Protein backbone atom coordinates (compact mmCIF):
# COMPACT_ATOMS: atom_id res chain seq x y z
CA MET A 1 -165.59 90.83 -89.76
CA ASN A 2 -164.54 94.35 -88.90
CA TRP A 3 -160.83 94.60 -89.72
CA ASN A 4 -160.51 98.22 -88.60
CA GLY A 5 -157.29 98.44 -86.61
CA LYS A 6 -156.60 94.69 -86.78
CA VAL A 7 -153.10 93.54 -87.77
CA ALA A 8 -152.33 90.99 -90.48
CA LEU A 9 -148.84 89.51 -90.87
CA ILE A 10 -148.47 88.30 -94.47
CA THR A 11 -145.49 86.40 -95.86
CA GLY A 12 -145.02 86.50 -99.61
CA GLY A 13 -146.79 89.85 -99.40
CA SER A 14 -145.14 91.68 -102.29
CA GLY A 15 -147.28 90.21 -105.07
CA GLY A 16 -149.87 87.68 -106.18
CA VAL A 17 -152.08 86.12 -103.52
CA GLY A 18 -150.25 87.80 -100.63
CA LEU A 19 -150.66 91.28 -102.04
CA SER A 20 -154.30 90.54 -102.88
CA PHE A 21 -154.89 89.62 -99.23
CA ALA A 22 -153.11 92.81 -98.15
CA LYS A 23 -155.14 95.04 -100.46
CA ARG A 24 -158.47 93.58 -99.38
CA LEU A 25 -157.63 93.68 -95.69
CA SER A 26 -156.28 97.24 -95.95
CA GLU A 27 -159.45 98.35 -97.76
CA HIS A 28 -161.36 97.08 -94.72
CA GLY A 29 -159.20 99.00 -92.23
CA ALA A 30 -156.55 96.43 -91.33
CA ARG A 31 -152.91 97.27 -90.78
CA VAL A 32 -150.60 94.93 -92.66
CA ALA A 33 -147.07 93.70 -92.06
CA LEU A 34 -145.74 92.64 -95.44
CA VAL A 35 -142.88 90.14 -95.66
CA ALA A 36 -140.89 89.28 -98.79
CA ARG A 37 -137.26 88.79 -99.73
CA THR A 38 -136.73 91.98 -101.69
CA LEU A 39 -137.19 95.46 -100.23
CA SER A 40 -137.84 97.06 -103.63
CA THR A 41 -140.74 94.71 -104.41
CA LEU A 42 -142.16 95.33 -100.94
CA GLN A 43 -141.91 99.08 -101.53
CA ASP A 44 -143.73 98.70 -104.86
CA ALA A 45 -146.45 96.66 -103.14
CA ALA A 46 -146.77 99.21 -100.34
CA GLN A 47 -147.55 101.94 -102.88
CA GLN A 48 -150.81 100.10 -103.56
CA LEU A 49 -151.83 100.32 -99.90
CA GLU A 50 -152.67 103.06 -97.43
CA PRO A 51 -149.20 104.18 -96.20
CA SER A 52 -150.28 104.56 -92.57
CA ARG A 53 -151.48 100.94 -92.53
CA VAL A 54 -148.42 99.10 -93.81
CA ALA A 55 -145.02 98.10 -92.45
CA LEU A 56 -142.37 96.32 -94.49
CA PHE A 57 -140.24 93.44 -93.26
CA PRO A 58 -137.76 92.37 -95.95
CA MET A 59 -136.45 88.89 -95.19
CA ASP A 60 -136.18 85.38 -96.50
CA VAL A 61 -138.54 83.09 -94.55
CA SER A 62 -135.96 80.31 -94.75
CA ASP A 63 -133.67 82.41 -92.52
CA ARG A 64 -134.80 80.83 -89.26
CA GLU A 65 -133.27 83.40 -86.92
CA SER A 66 -135.01 86.28 -88.71
CA LEU A 67 -138.23 84.29 -89.04
CA LEU A 68 -138.42 83.50 -85.33
CA ALA A 69 -137.81 87.16 -84.44
CA LEU A 70 -140.45 88.43 -86.88
CA PRO A 71 -143.59 88.15 -84.70
CA ARG A 72 -141.94 90.13 -81.90
CA ARG A 73 -140.90 92.82 -84.40
CA VAL A 74 -144.43 93.04 -85.82
CA PHE A 75 -145.91 93.15 -82.32
CA GLU A 76 -143.50 95.91 -81.31
CA HIS A 77 -144.49 97.91 -84.40
CA PHE A 78 -148.28 97.40 -84.34
CA GLY A 79 -149.08 96.10 -80.82
CA SER A 80 -150.85 92.92 -81.93
CA ILE A 81 -151.08 90.15 -84.52
CA ASP A 82 -154.68 89.28 -85.32
CA LEU A 83 -154.17 87.35 -88.54
CA LEU A 84 -151.17 85.36 -89.74
CA ILE A 85 -151.14 84.52 -93.43
CA ASN A 86 -148.41 82.03 -94.34
CA ASN A 87 -148.30 82.65 -98.07
CA ALA A 88 -144.63 82.61 -99.09
CA GLY A 89 -143.87 79.72 -101.38
CA VAL A 90 -141.36 78.35 -103.84
CA ASN A 91 -141.31 75.58 -106.41
CA HIS A 92 -138.69 74.07 -108.70
CA ARG A 93 -140.57 72.18 -111.39
CA GLY A 94 -139.23 69.15 -113.12
CA PRO A 95 -138.49 65.50 -112.43
CA PHE A 96 -137.58 64.81 -108.80
CA GLU A 97 -134.26 63.16 -109.71
CA GLY A 98 -133.32 66.32 -111.61
CA ARG A 99 -133.67 68.56 -108.55
CA SER A 100 -130.63 69.34 -106.49
CA ALA A 101 -130.63 68.65 -102.76
CA ALA A 102 -130.58 72.43 -102.22
CA GLN A 103 -133.71 72.87 -104.35
CA VAL A 104 -135.54 70.09 -102.51
CA ALA A 105 -134.55 71.58 -99.14
CA GLN A 106 -135.61 75.08 -100.22
CA ILE A 107 -139.09 73.87 -101.21
CA LEU A 108 -139.54 72.15 -97.86
CA ASP A 109 -138.05 75.04 -95.87
CA VAL A 110 -140.13 77.78 -97.48
CA ASN A 111 -143.40 75.91 -97.99
CA LEU A 112 -143.61 73.82 -94.83
CA VAL A 113 -140.92 74.50 -92.21
CA ALA A 114 -141.25 78.30 -92.33
CA PRO A 115 -145.05 78.33 -91.82
CA VAL A 116 -144.78 75.85 -88.94
CA LEU A 117 -142.03 77.84 -87.22
CA LEU A 118 -143.65 81.22 -87.87
CA THR A 119 -146.95 79.96 -86.51
CA HIS A 120 -145.21 78.65 -83.40
CA ALA A 121 -143.41 81.97 -82.88
CA SER A 122 -146.56 84.04 -83.54
CA ILE A 123 -149.01 82.32 -81.20
CA PRO A 124 -147.79 84.14 -78.06
CA TYR A 125 -148.59 87.46 -79.80
CA MET A 126 -152.06 86.43 -80.98
CA GLY A 127 -155.09 87.08 -78.83
CA GLU A 128 -158.67 85.96 -78.66
CA GLY A 129 -160.35 85.96 -82.06
CA ALA A 130 -157.06 85.71 -83.95
CA ALA A 131 -156.77 83.46 -86.99
CA ILE A 132 -154.18 81.77 -89.20
CA ILE A 133 -154.47 81.22 -92.94
CA ASN A 134 -152.03 78.84 -94.58
CA VAL A 135 -151.84 79.05 -98.37
CA ALA A 136 -151.31 75.52 -99.65
CA SER A 137 -152.20 74.34 -103.16
CA LEU A 138 -154.38 71.97 -105.12
CA ALA A 139 -151.10 70.09 -105.58
CA GLY A 140 -151.31 69.33 -101.86
CA LYS A 141 -154.63 67.57 -102.47
CA VAL A 142 -153.82 65.88 -105.77
CA PRO A 143 -150.10 65.13 -106.20
CA VAL A 144 -148.63 66.49 -109.41
CA PRO A 145 -145.97 64.63 -111.44
CA HIS A 146 -142.70 66.57 -111.68
CA GLU A 147 -143.63 68.44 -108.50
CA ALA A 148 -143.29 65.69 -105.90
CA THR A 149 -141.55 67.80 -103.26
CA TYR A 150 -143.89 70.74 -103.81
CA SER A 151 -146.92 68.45 -103.52
CA ALA A 152 -145.50 66.91 -100.34
CA SER A 153 -144.81 70.33 -98.79
CA LYS A 154 -148.32 71.60 -99.50
CA SER A 155 -149.95 68.36 -98.34
CA GLY A 156 -147.96 68.65 -95.12
CA LEU A 157 -149.10 72.25 -94.70
CA ARG A 158 -152.71 71.15 -95.10
CA ALA A 159 -152.29 68.42 -92.47
CA PHE A 160 -150.57 70.85 -90.10
CA SER A 161 -153.43 73.33 -90.51
CA ARG A 162 -156.15 70.76 -89.91
CA ALA A 163 -154.49 69.36 -86.80
CA LEU A 164 -153.69 72.82 -85.41
CA ASP A 165 -157.26 74.01 -85.97
CA GLN A 166 -158.41 71.24 -83.63
CA GLU A 167 -155.66 71.92 -81.10
CA LEU A 168 -155.61 75.70 -80.72
CA GLY A 169 -158.19 78.16 -79.53
CA LEU A 170 -157.57 80.02 -82.80
CA ARG A 171 -159.18 79.48 -86.17
CA VAL A 172 -156.74 77.87 -88.66
CA LEU A 173 -157.77 77.84 -92.31
CA THR A 174 -156.13 76.48 -95.42
CA VAL A 175 -156.53 77.97 -98.90
CA CYS A 176 -155.69 75.65 -101.81
CA PRO A 177 -155.50 77.67 -105.02
CA GLY A 178 -154.77 76.20 -108.41
CA PRO A 179 -152.18 77.64 -110.83
CA ILE A 180 -151.58 81.37 -110.43
CA GLN A 181 -149.67 83.66 -112.72
C-alpha cells in the first residue's frame, strides 16, 4: 500500500512495537501521530523519524477525557486518520491475588477499555480504505499463569477486533506478538 501522505495514529508510540510501526510507516511516506505518557520519550522517538511527518501527543490512554478528544486533535493537525494502531499496553506480573485492585483496573483500562474507546472516537475521522490494528498478545490466545488479567485483557481485545472487523466497513486486524524486550 502507498502510505505517502496517509496518517497513522499510534498509541504506545515512543518505543518497542509502536515505534517500529512508526518508523516503517514513516519510511513509506506516512505521517504519524505518536502517543505515549512521557513527552521526553516521545521527543526521543521523534528524532528517529522525519520531523515533518510526526506530531507528538503526550497523554495517558487511561485518561478518558484526553483519549476521547485525541482523534479530533489528530484530525485537526493532519486532516485525516487512515490507520489507528492501538498499541499501548501495561502488565503487572505475578499471582492474581497479589495484584492490587488499582493494578487490575490499570491493566484492563490500558489494554482493553482504551482501545475500545479510542476506536469508537476515531471512526468518525476515518474514511474509506482506513484500517485499525490492535496489538494484543499470544497471552490473549493461550492464557498465562500469573498474568490472568493481562491474558483476559488481550483476549478481549482479540474478540473486539474480530467482531468489529465483521461489523465495520474498515479493516480491523489483530497482531499477537510473543514476549518483547
